[in-house]
Amino acid sequence: MNWARSALAQLTQGDVALVTILATEGSAPRDAGTKMVVWAEGQAGTIGGGNLEHQVADQARKMLLSQVHFALQDYPLGPLLAQCCGGRVRLLIERLDKTAIDWLTDAARRLDADQPFEVRTRFNPGALTKTIAPVTASSPDGATITLAGEPATARGARPTLGDVLIEPQDLPRPPVLLFGAGHVGQAVARALEPLPFRLAWYDTRPETAEIPGVTVGTPAELAAAAMGAGPDAYILVMTHDHDLDYALTSSALAGGAFGYLGLIGSDTKKARFLSRLRKDGFGDGTVARVTCPIGLPHLKNKAPEVIAVSVVADLLMRLEAARRERTKDLQLASL
């Protein structure tokens, strides 16, 4: 969710409340950094649902009717909230008015462009000051709380006047190159839409141009896109034509710069494609980068919507694993 754009959309109607999870301890429904936008008659995003979200949304709407600009709130997730998580969360609830439009517009633009940045919040008497800064910028004066690395716990020191909260917004959405706009391709595209991926969707058939989001190109243009996908890209090949599937698969392997290459099909199709790839000069190590069949191995249902759920679940698992590795590398680099 582009939380900044959601806030901007509602500011045309009046003030909104921005809820941010600053820290968690133990079992909590969402992670630090999660945001939710609340206004008089609705909300965008979620901090985990349940009674916690209900009470926080109610508190945020009461703030919109008051003169209070922000509140820092700790919630134990136990019997008091009728929740059994057993953890704790610390929340920042802040009222935004039209004076926030400039920094929200900057944040929304950077989120749309997958441009890493920091939201810096300075605690002033009765109000907060917001700044959008590159992640490479030097830290401001005063104590700094970050939501990455070693975040403050839900029982830790609370921000005081002059302190600065730094929230890195540096988890880019990896690209998914989806080749094919048939029934399965459309189901996959629908499943990907709300998730943290950037979809580039291709087909060669002119009639698919009527489908929102599809780029129609020649086989050569699609092959060039596959060849230049990029090291973080997830490639999904599921066109209407096996020869085109092969051309796209071989082009992706020839380029070599991708994170995942999935080919829809049976074990028989896989065997034929891999044999053909070897005959065309690809080594065993390169051929082994092709994943076929795609999706979760235990889901055998062939309905397009089920295949889509299976494929997207597999992508999410791969994305989570990649982010864990990234976090581990950053921790090792800081030693």
C-alpha atoms as a PDB file:
ATOM      1  CA  MET A   1       0.000   0.000   0.000  1.00  0.00           C
ATOM      2  CA  ASN A   2       1.231   3.477  -0.859  1.00  0.00           C
ATOM      3  CA  TRP A   3       0.195   4.926   2.495  1.00  0.00           C
ATOM      4  CA  ALA A   4       1.218   8.456   1.497  1.00  0.00           C
ATOM      5  CA  ARG A   5      -1.001   8.408  -1.576  1.00  0.00           C
ATOM      6  CA  SER A   6      -3.908   7.054   0.490  1.00  0.00           C
ATOM      7  CA  ALA A   7      -3.486   9.940   2.940  1.00  0.00           C
ATOM      8  CA  LEU A   8      -3.299  12.494   0.123  1.00  0.00           C
ATOM      9  CA  ALA A   9      -6.496  11.171  -1.444  1.00  0.00           C
ATOM     10  CA  GLN A  10      -8.435  11.700   1.789  1.00  0.00           C
ATOM     11  CA  LEU A  11      -6.908  15.065   2.723  1.00  0.00           C
ATOM     12  CA  THR A  12      -9.067  16.663   0.041  1.00  0.00           C
ATOM     13  CA  GLN A  13     -12.046  15.851   2.299  1.00  0.00           C
ATOM     14  CA  GLY A  14     -10.503  16.791   5.652  1.00  0.00           C
ATOM     15  CA  ASP A  15      -7.868  15.805   8.194  1.00  0.00           C
ATOM     16  CA  VAL A  16      -6.682  12.195   8.433  1.00  0.00           C
ATOM     17  CA  ALA A  17      -4.869  10.175  11.067  1.00  0.00           C
ATOM     18  CA  LEU A  18      -1.693   8.260  10.265  1.00  0.00           C
ATOM     19  CA  VAL A  19      -1.062   5.253  12.504  1.00  0.00           C
ATOM     20  CA  THR A  20       2.434   3.739  12.601  1.00  0.00           C
ATOM     21  CA  ILE A  21       3.676   0.722  14.538  1.00  0.00           C
ATOM     22  CA  LEU A  22       6.911   2.004  16.071  1.00  0.00           C
ATOM     23  CA  ALA A  23       7.987  -1.147  17.864  1.00  0.00           C
ATOM     24  CA  THR A  24       6.800  -4.627  18.773  1.00  0.00           C
ATOM     25  CA  GLU A  25       7.667  -7.150  21.447  1.00  0.00           C
ATOM     26  CA  GLY A  26       6.827 -10.835  21.431  1.00  0.00           C
ATOM     27  CA  SER A  27       4.024 -12.016  19.180  1.00  0.00           C
ATOM     28  CA  ALA A  28       2.378  -9.156  17.284  1.00  0.00           C
ATOM     29  CA  PRO A  29       0.036  -9.177  14.262  1.00  0.00           C
ATOM     30  CA  ARG A  30       2.157  -6.788  12.133  1.00  0.00           C
ATOM     31  CA  ASP A  31       5.774  -5.602  12.079  1.00  0.00           C
ATOM     32  CA  ALA A  32       7.330  -2.299  13.074  1.00  0.00           C
ATOM     33  CA  GLY A  33       6.900   0.247  10.296  1.00  0.00           C
ATOM     34  CA  THR A  34       3.392  -0.899   9.343  1.00  0.00           C
ATOM     35  CA  LYS A  35       1.072   2.035   8.617  1.00  0.00           C
ATOM     36  CA  MET A  36      -2.667   2.599   8.507  1.00  0.00           C
ATOM     37  CA  VAL A  37      -4.524   5.718   7.354  1.00  0.00           C
ATOM     38  CA  VAL A  38      -7.780   6.525   9.178  1.00  0.00           C
ATOM     39  CA  TRP A  39     -10.415   9.131   8.366  1.00  0.00           C
ATOM     40  CA  ALA A  40     -13.926   9.845   9.589  1.00  0.00           C
ATOM     41  CA  GLU A  41     -15.687   7.216   7.502  1.00  0.00           C
ATOM     42  CA  GLY A  42     -13.023   4.708   6.563  1.00  0.00           C
ATOM     43  CA  GLN A  43      -9.438   3.538   6.578  1.00  0.00           C
ATOM     44  CA  ALA A  44      -6.700   2.202   4.299  1.00  0.00           C
ATOM     45  CA  GLY A  45      -4.235  -0.458   5.327  1.00  0.00           C
ATOM     46  CA  THR A  46      -4.249  -2.594   8.443  1.00  0.00           C
ATOM     47  CA  ILE A  47      -2.187  -2.949  11.603  1.00  0.00           C
ATOM     48  CA  GLY A  48      -3.382  -6.504  12.087  1.00  0.00           C
ATOM     49  CA  GLY A  49      -7.137  -6.402  12.489  1.00  0.00           C
ATOM     50  CA  GLY A  50      -9.022  -7.584  15.540  1.00  0.00           C
ATOM     51  CA  ASN A  51      -9.823  -5.569  18.636  1.00  0.00           C
ATOM     52  CA  LEU A  52      -6.454  -3.786  18.519  1.00  0.00           C
ATOM     53  CA  GLU A  53      -7.223  -2.258  15.142  1.00  0.00           C
ATOM     54  CA  HIS A  54     -10.792  -1.456  16.172  1.00  0.00           C
ATOM     55  CA  GLN A  55      -9.673   0.426  19.274  1.00  0.00           C
ATOM     56  CA  VAL A  56      -6.828   2.219  17.507  1.00  0.00           C
ATOM     57  CA  ALA A  57      -9.097   3.333  14.655  1.00  0.00           C
ATOM     58  CA  ASP A  58     -11.601   4.597  17.229  1.00  0.00           C
ATOM     59  CA  GLN A  59      -8.839   6.483  19.059  1.00  0.00           C
ATOM     60  CA  ALA A  60      -7.623   7.961  15.762  1.00  0.00           C
ATOM     61  CA  ARG A  61     -11.117   9.221  14.859  1.00  0.00           C
ATOM     62  CA  LYS A  62     -11.489  10.825  18.286  1.00  0.00           C
ATOM     63  CA  MET A  63      -8.168  12.590  17.690  1.00  0.00           C
ATOM     64  CA  LEU A  64      -9.553  14.014  14.438  1.00  0.00           C
ATOM     65  CA  LEU A  65     -12.315  15.681  16.479  1.00  0.00           C
ATOM     66  CA  SER A  66      -9.887  17.121  19.050  1.00  0.00           C
ATOM     67  CA  GLN A  67      -7.025  19.611  19.095  1.00  0.00           C
ATOM     68  CA  VAL A  68      -4.452  16.877  19.805  1.00  0.00           C
ATOM     69  CA  HIS A  69      -1.787  16.517  17.106  1.00  0.00           C
ATOM     70  CA  PHE A  70      -0.257  13.173  18.065  1.00  0.00           C
ATOM     71  CA  ALA A  71      -0.271  10.418  20.664  1.00  0.00           C
ATOM     72  CA  LEU A  72       2.185   7.670  21.550  1.00  0.00           C
ATOM     73  CA  GLN A  73       0.317   4.596  22.736  1.00  0.00           C
ATOM     74  CA  ASP A  74       1.412   1.210  24.115  1.00  0.00           C
ATOM     75  CA  TYR A  75      -0.918  -1.768  23.733  1.00  0.00           C
ATOM     76  CA  PRO A  76      -0.395  -5.118  25.502  1.00  0.00           C
ATOM     77  CA  LEU A  77      -2.001  -7.781  23.302  1.00  0.00           C
ATOM     78  CA  GLY A  78      -3.667  -9.748  26.061  1.00  0.00           C
ATOM     79  CA  PRO A  79      -6.988 -10.116  27.888  1.00  0.00           C
ATOM     80  CA  LEU A  80      -7.574  -6.351  27.996  1.00  0.00           C
ATOM     81  CA  LEU A  81      -7.928  -6.329  24.206  1.00  0.00           C
ATOM     82  CA  ALA A  82      -9.466  -9.807  24.056  1.00  0.00           C
ATOM     83  CA  GLN A  83      -6.491 -10.883  21.953  1.00  0.00           C
ATOM     84  CA  CYS A  84      -4.254 -13.849  22.646  1.00  0.00           C
ATOM     85  CA  CYS A  85      -1.103 -12.777  20.772  1.00  0.00           C
ATOM     86  CA  GLY A  86       0.654 -12.134  24.074  1.00  0.00           C
ATOM     87  CA  GLY A  87       2.952  -9.440  22.709  1.00  0.00           C
ATOM     88  CA  ARG A  88       3.047  -5.659  22.853  1.00  0.00           C
ATOM     89  CA  VAL A  89       2.988  -2.896  20.263  1.00  0.00           C
ATOM     90  CA  ARG A  90       3.906   0.764  20.488  1.00  0.00           C
ATOM     91  CA  LEU A  91       1.988   3.031  18.142  1.00  0.00           C
ATOM     92  CA  LEU A  92       2.317   6.596  16.952  1.00  0.00           C
ATOM     93  CA  ILE A  93      -1.009   8.172  16.002  1.00  0.00           C
ATOM     94  CA  GLU A  94      -0.731  11.565  14.322  1.00  0.00           C
ATOM     95  CA  ARG A  95      -3.246  13.937  12.826  1.00  0.00           C
ATOM     96  CA  LEU A  96      -2.390  15.218   9.358  1.00  0.00           C
ATOM     97  CA  ASP A  97      -3.881  18.317   7.776  1.00  0.00           C
ATOM     98  CA  LYS A  98      -3.205  20.099   4.491  1.00  0.00           C
ATOM     99  CA  THR A  99       0.172  21.325   5.756  1.00  0.00           C
ATOM    100  CA  ALA A 100       1.335  17.708   5.272  1.00  0.00           C
ATOM    101  CA  ILE A 101       0.632  17.720   1.527  1.00  0.00           C
ATOM    102  CA  ASP A 102       4.191  18.620   0.478  1.00  0.00           C
ATOM    103  CA  TRP A 103       6.003  15.864   2.367  1.00  0.00           C
ATOM    104  CA  LEU A 104       3.270  13.326   1.631  1.00  0.00           C
ATOM    105  CA  THR A 105       3.526  14.126  -2.086  1.00  0.00           C
ATOM    106  CA  ASP A 106       7.296  13.610  -1.943  1.00  0.00           C
ATOM    107  CA  ALA A 107       6.870  10.313  -0.069  1.00  0.00           C
ATOM    108  CA  ALA A 108       4.146   9.089  -2.453  1.00  0.00           C
ATOM    109  CA  ARG A 109       6.309   9.835  -5.484  1.00  0.00           C
ATOM    110  CA  ARG A 110       9.279   7.968  -4.005  1.00  0.00           C
ATOM    111  CA  LEU A 111       7.113   4.991  -3.046  1.00  0.00           C
ATOM    112  CA  ASP A 112       5.678   4.807  -6.565  1.00  0.00           C
ATOM    113  CA  ALA A 113       9.204   4.888  -7.997  1.00  0.00           C
ATOM    114  CA  ASP A 114      10.611   2.333  -5.511  1.00  0.00           C
ATOM    115  CA  GLN A 115      13.132   4.962  -4.442  1.00  0.00           C
ATOM    116  CA  PRO A 116      14.566   4.296  -0.949  1.00  0.00           C
ATOM    117  CA  PHE A 117      14.126   7.153   1.511  1.00  0.00           C
ATOM    118  CA  GLU A 118      13.649   7.959   5.176  1.00  0.00           C
ATOM    119  CA  VAL A 119      10.730   9.564   6.948  1.00  0.00           C
ATOM    120  CA  ARG A 120      12.148  11.636   9.787  1.00  0.00           C
ATOM    121  CA  THR A 121       9.826  12.716  12.569  1.00  0.00           C
ATOM    122  CA  ARG A 122      10.996  15.253  15.147  1.00  0.00           C
ATOM    123  CA  PHE A 123       9.039  15.444  18.397  1.00  0.00           C
ATOM    124  CA  ASN A 124       8.291  19.099  19.136  1.00  0.00           C
ATOM    125  CA  PRO A 125       6.073  20.601  21.862  1.00  0.00           C
ATOM    126  CA  GLY A 126       2.526  19.693  20.878  1.00  0.00           C
ATOM    127  CA  ALA A 127       3.390  18.834  17.280  1.00  0.00           C
ATOM    128  CA  LEU A 128       5.598  16.789  14.977  1.00  0.00           C
ATOM    129  CA  THR A 129       7.884  17.944  12.168  1.00  0.00           C
ATOM    130  CA  LYS A 130       8.225  15.664   9.137  1.00  0.00           C
ATOM    131  CA  THR A 131      11.144  15.503   6.717  1.00  0.00           C
ATOM    132  CA  ILE A 132      11.732  13.219   3.739  1.00  0.00           C
ATOM    133  CA  ALA A 133      15.418  12.434   3.224  1.00  0.00           C
ATOM    134  CA  PRO A 134      17.574  10.006   1.232  1.00  0.00           C
ATOM    135  CA  VAL A 135      18.730   7.001   3.239  1.00  0.00           C
ATOM    136  CA  THR A 136      22.338   8.131   2.757  1.00  0.00           C
ATOM    137  CA  ALA A 137      21.776  11.490   4.435  1.00  0.00           C
ATOM    138  CA  SER A 138      23.520  12.145   7.754  1.00  0.00           C
ATOM    139  CA  SER A 139      21.453  11.719  10.899  1.00  0.00           C
ATOM    140  CA  PRO A 140      19.976  14.855  12.476  1.00  0.00           C
ATOM    141  CA  ASP A 141      20.835  16.118  15.932  1.00  0.00           C
ATOM    142  CA  GLY A 142      19.167  14.477  18.904  1.00  0.00           C
ATOM    143  CA  ALA A 143      18.424  10.882  19.805  1.00  0.00           C
ATOM    144  CA  THR A 144      17.501   8.691  16.845  1.00  0.00           C
ATOM    145  CA  ILE A 145      15.126   5.730  16.890  1.00  0.00           C
ATOM    146  CA  THR A 146      15.171   3.512  13.817  1.00  0.00           C
ATOM    147  CA  LEU A 147      12.746   0.831  12.744  1.00  0.00           C
ATOM    148  CA  ALA A 148      15.445  -1.295  11.122  1.00  0.00           C
ATOM    149  CA  GLY A 149      18.599  -2.852  12.492  1.00  0.00           C
ATOM    150  CA  GLU A 150      17.867  -2.849  16.208  1.00  0.00           C
ATOM    151  CA  PRO A 151      14.477  -1.219  16.680  1.00  0.00           C
ATOM    152  CA  ALA A 152      13.429   0.065  20.076  1.00  0.00           C
ATOM    153  CA  THR A 153      11.279  -2.429  21.945  1.00  0.00           C
ATOM    154  CA  ALA A 154       7.713  -1.755  22.971  1.00  0.00           C
ATOM    155  CA  ARG A 155       8.933  -1.329  26.544  1.00  0.00           C
ATOM    156  CA  GLY A 156      11.969   0.801  25.672  1.00  0.00           C
ATOM    157  CA  ALA A 157      12.534   4.508  26.137  1.00  0.00           C
ATOM    158  CA  ARG A 158       9.756   6.643  24.693  1.00  0.00           C
ATOM    159  CA  PRO A 159      10.661   9.539  22.399  1.00  0.00           C
ATOM    160  CA  THR A 160      10.933  12.863  24.205  1.00  0.00           C
ATOM    161  CA  LEU A 161      10.984  16.451  22.939  1.00  0.00           C
ATOM    162  CA  GLY A 162      13.702  16.957  20.362  1.00  0.00           C
ATOM    163  CA  ASP A 163      14.083  13.260  19.618  1.00  0.00           C
ATOM    164  CA  VAL A 164      13.940  12.105  16.023  1.00  0.00           C
ATOM    165  CA  LEU A 165      12.282   8.957  14.739  1.00  0.00           C
ATOM    166  CA  ILE A 166      13.827   7.644  11.523  1.00  0.00           C
ATOM    167  CA  GLU A 167      11.777   5.236   9.418  1.00  0.00           C
ATOM    168  CA  PRO A 168      13.640   3.748   6.456  1.00  0.00           C
ATOM    169  CA  GLN A 169      11.396   3.097   3.466  1.00  0.00           C
ATOM    170  CA  ASP A 170      13.932   0.977   1.612  1.00  0.00           C
ATOM    171  CA  LEU A 171      12.243  -2.276   0.698  1.00  0.00           C
ATOM    172  CA  PRO A 172      11.878  -1.983  -3.087  1.00  0.00           C
ATOM    173  CA  ARG A 173       9.272  -4.037  -4.915  1.00  0.00           C
ATOM    174  CA  PRO A 174      11.064  -6.522  -7.170  1.00  0.00           C
ATOM    175  CA  PRO A 175       9.857  -6.683 -10.766  1.00  0.00           C
ATOM    176  CA  VAL A 176       7.765  -9.572 -12.049  1.00  0.00           C
ATOM    177  CA  LEU A 177       7.914 -10.064 -15.816  1.00  0.00           C
ATOM    178  CA  LEU A 178       4.759 -11.973 -16.720  1.00  0.00           C
ATOM    179  CA  PHE A 179       4.675 -13.328 -20.264  1.00  0.00           C
ATOM    180  CA  GLY A 180       1.189 -14.405 -21.304  1.00  0.00           C
ATOM    181  CA  ALA A 181      -2.261 -12.867 -20.842  1.00  0.00           C
ATOM    182  CA  GLY A 182      -4.405 -15.978 -21.061  1.00  0.00           C
ATOM    183  CA  HIS A 183      -6.682 -17.222 -18.295  1.00  0.00           C
ATOM    184  CA  VAL A 184      -3.796 -18.170 -16.004  1.00  0.00           C
ATOM    185  CA  GLY A 185      -1.834 -15.016 -16.775  1.00  0.00           C
ATOM    186  CA  GLN A 186      -4.839 -12.852 -15.950  1.00  0.00           C
ATOM    187  CA  ALA A 187      -5.410 -14.723 -12.681  1.00  0.00           C
ATOM    188  CA  VAL A 188      -1.743 -14.288 -11.741  1.00  0.00           C
ATOM    189  CA  ALA A 189      -1.879 -10.564 -12.545  1.00  0.00           C
ATOM    190  CA  ARG A 190      -4.961 -10.133 -10.340  1.00  0.00           C
ATOM    191  CA  ALA A 191      -3.280 -11.977  -7.478  1.00  0.00           C
ATOM    192  CA  LEU A 192      -0.113  -9.877  -7.780  1.00  0.00           C
ATOM    193  CA  GLU A 193      -1.907  -6.520  -7.861  1.00  0.00           C
ATOM    194  CA  PRO A 194      -2.024  -5.788  -4.074  1.00  0.00           C
ATOM    195  CA  LEU A 195       1.337  -7.411  -3.310  1.00  0.00           C
ATOM    196  CA  PRO A 196       4.861  -5.923  -3.056  1.00  0.00           C
ATOM    197  CA  PHE A 197       5.854  -6.557  -6.669  1.00  0.00           C
ATOM    198  CA  ARG A 198       6.102  -4.379  -9.794  1.00  0.00           C
ATOM    199  CA  LEU A 199       4.317  -6.124 -12.632  1.00  0.00           C
ATOM    200  CA  ALA A 200       5.428  -5.866 -16.263  1.00  0.00           C
ATOM    201  CA  TRP A 201       2.938  -7.881 -18.313  1.00  0.00           C
ATOM    202  CA  TYR A 202       3.480  -8.902 -21.935  1.00  0.00           C
ATOM    203  CA  ASP A 203       1.717 -10.693 -24.778  1.00  0.00           C
ATOM    204  CA  THR A 204       2.087 -10.828 -28.566  1.00  0.00           C
ATOM    205  CA  ARG A 205      -1.597 -11.082 -29.498  1.00  0.00           C
ATOM    206  CA  PRO A 206      -3.195  -7.768 -30.575  1.00  0.00           C
ATOM    207  CA  GLU A 207      -6.501  -8.582 -28.882  1.00  0.00           C
ATOM    208  CA  THR A 208      -4.819  -8.662 -25.452  1.00  0.00           C
ATOM    209  CA  ALA A 209      -4.172  -4.915 -25.741  1.00  0.00           C
ATOM    210  CA  GLU A 210      -7.714  -4.458 -24.414  1.00  0.00           C
ATOM    211  CA  ILE A 211      -6.672  -5.979 -21.075  1.00  0.00           C
ATOM    212  CA  PRO A 212      -5.541  -3.215 -18.672  1.00  0.00           C
ATOM    213  CA  GLY A 213      -1.836  -3.490 -17.920  1.00  0.00           C
ATOM    214  CA  VAL A 214      -0.822  -5.672 -20.869  1.00  0.00           C
ATOM    215  CA  THR A 215       1.945  -4.502 -23.198  1.00  0.00           C
ATOM    216  CA  VAL A 216       1.625  -6.019 -26.662  1.00  0.00           C
ATOM    217  CA  GLY A 217       4.881  -6.556 -28.522  1.00  0.00           C
ATOM    218  CA  THR A 218       6.567  -8.695 -31.127  1.00  0.00           C
ATOM    219  CA  PRO A 219       8.234 -11.972 -30.116  1.00  0.00           C
ATOM    220  CA  ALA A 220      11.605 -10.243 -30.530  1.00  0.00           C
ATOM    221  CA  GLU A 221      10.550  -7.405 -28.216  1.00  0.00           C
ATOM    222  CA  LEU A 222       9.364  -9.847 -25.569  1.00  0.00           C
ATOM    223  CA  ALA A 223      12.593 -11.836 -25.880  1.00  0.00           C
ATOM    224  CA  ALA A 224      14.606  -8.645 -25.371  1.00  0.00           C
ATOM    225  CA  ALA A 225      12.623  -7.882 -22.212  1.00  0.00           C
ATOM    226  CA  ALA A 226      13.315 -11.380 -20.876  1.00  0.00           C
ATOM    227  CA  MET A 227      17.009 -11.108 -21.703  1.00  0.00           C
ATOM    228  CA  GLY A 228      17.374  -7.804 -19.851  1.00  0.00           C
ATOM    229  CA  ALA A 229      15.130  -8.572 -16.886  1.00  0.00           C
ATOM    230  CA  GLY A 230      17.582  -7.655 -14.110  1.00  0.00           C
ATOM    231  CA  PRO A 231      19.134  -9.551 -11.181  1.00  0.00           C
ATOM    232  CA  ASP A 232      16.152  -9.120  -8.831  1.00  0.00           C
ATOM    233  CA  ALA A 233      13.479  -9.947 -11.399  1.00  0.00           C
ATOM    234  CA  TYR A 234      11.033 -12.826 -11.236  1.00  0.00           C
ATOM    235  CA  ILE A 235      10.205 -14.129 -14.723  1.00  0.00           C
ATOM    236  CA  LEU A 236       7.001 -16.096 -15.372  1.00  0.00           C
ATOM    237  CA  VAL A 237       6.582 -17.681 -18.811  1.00  0.00           C
ATOM    238  CA  MET A 238       3.038 -18.827 -19.643  1.00  0.00           C
ATOM    239  CA  THR A 239       2.144 -17.770 -23.173  1.00  0.00           C
ATOM    240  CA  HIS A 240      -0.291 -19.379 -25.620  1.00  0.00           C
ATOM    241  CA  ASP A 241       2.565 -20.753 -27.766  1.00  0.00           C
ATOM    242  CA  HIS A 242       5.169 -23.354 -26.771  1.00  0.00           C
ATOM    243  CA  ASP A 243       7.672 -22.049 -29.300  1.00  0.00           C
ATOM    244  CA  LEU A 244       7.317 -18.566 -27.839  1.00  0.00           C
ATOM    245  CA  ASP A 245       7.691 -20.036 -24.348  1.00  0.00           C
ATOM    246  CA  TYR A 246      10.935 -21.634 -25.465  1.00  0.00           C
ATOM    247  CA  ALA A 247      12.225 -18.440 -27.093  1.00  0.00           C
ATOM    248  CA  LEU A 248      11.529 -16.452 -23.924  1.00  0.00           C
ATOM    249  CA  THR A 249      13.093 -19.093 -21.680  1.00  0.00           C
ATOM    250  CA  SER A 250      16.242 -19.324 -23.767  1.00  0.00           C
ATOM    251  CA  SER A 251      16.484 -15.519 -23.997  1.00  0.00           C
ATOM    252  CA  ALA A 252      16.244 -15.178 -20.221  1.00  0.00           C
ATOM    253  CA  LEU A 253      18.945 -17.821 -19.757  1.00  0.00           C
ATOM    254  CA  ALA A 254      21.145 -16.141 -22.358  1.00  0.00           C
ATOM    255  CA  GLY A 255      20.848 -12.829 -20.522  1.00  0.00           C
ATOM    256  CA  GLY A 256      21.442 -14.535 -17.203  1.00  0.00           C
ATOM    257  CA  ALA A 257      20.319 -11.565 -15.096  1.00  0.00           C
ATOM    258  CA  PHE A 258      17.248 -12.704 -13.177  1.00  0.00           C
ATOM    259  CA  GLY A 259      16.377 -13.931  -9.711  1.00  0.00           C
ATOM    260  CA  TYR A 260      13.846 -16.577 -10.717  1.00  0.00           C
ATOM    261  CA  LEU A 261      12.680 -18.115 -13.994  1.00  0.00           C
ATOM    262  CA  GLY A 262       9.407 -20.032 -13.877  1.00  0.00           C
ATOM    263  CA  LEU A 263       7.944 -21.896 -16.851  1.00  0.00           C
ATOM    264  CA  ILE A 264       4.370 -23.137 -16.757  1.00  0.00           C
ATOM    265  CA  GLY A 265       3.931 -26.726 -17.893  1.00  0.00           C
ATOM    266  CA  SER A 266       4.100 -30.406 -17.090  1.00  0.00           C
ATOM    267  CA  ASP A 267       7.080 -32.609 -16.335  1.00  0.00           C
ATOM    268  CA  THR A 268       6.951 -33.714 -19.975  1.00  0.00           C
ATOM    269  CA  LYS A 269       7.186 -30.124 -21.215  1.00  0.00           C
ATOM    270  CA  LYS A 270      10.049 -29.539 -18.808  1.00  0.00           C
ATOM    271  CA  ALA A 271      11.973 -32.570 -20.085  1.00  0.00           C
ATOM    272  CA  ARG A 272      11.540 -31.505 -23.719  1.00  0.00           C
ATOM    273  CA  PHE A 273      12.548 -27.912 -23.044  1.00  0.00           C
ATOM    274  CA  LEU A 274      15.612 -28.839 -20.999  1.00  0.00           C
ATOM    275  CA  SER A 275      16.753 -31.311 -23.649  1.00  0.00           C
ATOM    276  CA  ARG A 276      16.351 -28.669 -26.334  1.00  0.00           C
ATOM    277  CA  LEU A 277      18.206 -26.086 -24.252  1.00  0.00           C
ATOM    278  CA  ARG A 278      21.150 -28.433 -23.819  1.00  0.00           C
ATOM    279  CA  LYS A 279      21.212 -29.097 -27.574  1.00  0.00           C
ATOM    280  CA  ASP A 280      21.284 -25.332 -28.094  1.00  0.00           C
ATOM    281  CA  GLY A 281      24.450 -25.071 -26.028  1.00  0.00           C
ATOM    282  CA  PHE A 282      23.251 -24.243 -22.530  1.00  0.00           C
ATOM    283  CA  GLY A 283      25.191 -25.991 -19.771  1.00  0.00           C
ATOM    284  CA  ASP A 284      23.647 -28.042 -16.988  1.00  0.00           C
ATOM    285  CA  GLY A 285      24.152 -25.270 -14.432  1.00  0.00           C
ATOM    286  CA  THR A 286      22.322 -22.768 -16.608  1.00  0.00           C
ATOM    287  CA  VAL A 287      19.506 -25.163 -17.497  1.00  0.00           C
ATOM    288  CA  ALA A 288      19.015 -25.931 -13.801  1.00  0.00           C
ATOM    289  CA  ARG A 289      17.886 -22.328 -13.265  1.00  0.00           C
ATOM    290  CA  VAL A 290      14.572 -23.087 -14.974  1.00  0.00           C
ATOM    291  CA  THR A 291      11.748 -23.901 -12.549  1.00  0.00           C
ATOM    292  CA  CYS A 292       9.066 -26.084 -14.134  1.00  0.00           C
ATOM    293  CA  PRO A 293       6.355 -26.844 -13.131  1.00  0.00           C
ATOM    294  CA  ILE A 294       5.806 -23.579 -11.252  1.00  0.00           C
ATOM    295  CA  GLY A 295       4.078 -22.867  -7.960  1.00  0.00           C
ATOM    296  CA  LEU A 296       3.784 -24.953  -4.816  1.00  0.00           C
ATOM    297  CA  PRO A 297       4.427 -28.633  -5.572  1.00  0.00           C
ATOM    298  CA  HIS A 298       1.560 -30.011  -3.469  1.00  0.00           C
ATOM    299  CA  LEU A 299      -1.193 -27.961  -5.145  1.00  0.00           C
ATOM    300  CA  LYS A 300      -2.282 -30.014  -8.161  1.00  0.00           C
ATOM    301  CA  ASN A 301      -5.556 -28.246  -9.017  1.00  0.00           C
ATOM    302  CA  LYS A 302      -5.329 -26.779 -12.535  1.00  0.00           C
ATOM    303  CA  ALA A 303      -7.973 -24.074 -12.223  1.00  0.00           C
ATOM    304  CA  PRO A 304      -6.409 -20.727 -13.235  1.00  0.00           C
ATOM    305  CA  GLU A 305      -7.197 -19.109  -9.893  1.00  0.00           C
ATOM    306  CA  VAL A 306      -5.632 -21.994  -7.958  1.00  0.00           C
ATOM    307  CA  ILE A 307      -2.527 -21.946 -10.149  1.00  0.00           C
ATOM    308  CA  ALA A 308      -2.287 -18.190  -9.543  1.00  0.00           C
ATOM    309  CA  VAL A 309      -2.473 -18.591  -5.764  1.00  0.00           C
ATOM    310  CA  SER A 310       0.162 -21.325  -5.919  1.00  0.00           C
ATOM    311  CA  VAL A 311       2.514 -19.302  -8.123  1.00  0.00           C
ATOM    312  CA  VAL A 312       2.175 -16.092  -6.132  1.00  0.00           C
ATOM    313  CA  ALA A 313       2.590 -17.894  -2.799  1.00  0.00           C
ATOM    314  CA  ASP A 314       5.831 -19.362  -4.116  1.00  0.00           C
ATOM    315  CA  LEU A 315       7.033 -15.899  -5.188  1.00  0.00           C
ATOM    316  CA  LEU A 316       6.233 -14.479  -1.750  1.00  0.00           C
ATOM    317  CA  MET A 317       8.206 -17.262  -0.064  1.00  0.00           C
ATOM    318  CA  ARG A 318      11.169 -16.566  -2.335  1.00  0.00           C
ATOM    319  CA  LEU A 319      10.906 -12.829  -1.654  1.00  0.00           C
ATOM    320  CA  GLU A 320      10.827 -13.401   2.111  1.00  0.00           C
ATOM    321  CA  ALA A 321      13.883 -15.661   1.911  1.00  0.00           C
ATOM    322  CA  ALA A 322      15.759 -13.060  -0.145  1.00  0.00           C
ATOM    323  CA  ARG A 323      14.953 -10.332   2.381  1.00  0.00           C
ATOM    324  CA  ARG A 324      16.113 -12.507   5.276  1.00  0.00           C
ATOM    325  CA  GLU A 325      19.412 -13.030   3.469  1.00  0.00           C
ATOM    326  CA  ARG A 326      19.689  -9.307   2.878  1.00  0.00           C
ATOM    327  CA  THR A 327      19.092  -8.566   6.569  1.00  0.00           C
ATOM    328  CA  LYS A 328      21.671 -11.171   7.555  1.00  0.00           C
ATOM    329  CA  ASP A 329      24.232  -9.653   5.179  1.00  0.00           C
ATOM    330  CA  LEU A 330      23.616  -6.164   6.589  1.00  0.00           C
ATOM    331  CA  GLN A 331      24.029  -7.434  10.139  1.00  0.00           C
ATOM    332  CA  LEU A 332      27.299  -9.176   9.257  1.00  0.00           C
ATOM    333  CA  ALA A 333      28.561  -6.054   7.492  1.00  0.00           C
ATOM    334  CA  SER A 334      27.932  -3.977  10.613  1.00  0.00           C
ATOM    335  CA  LEU A 335      30.059  -6.222  12.851  1.00  0.00           C
END
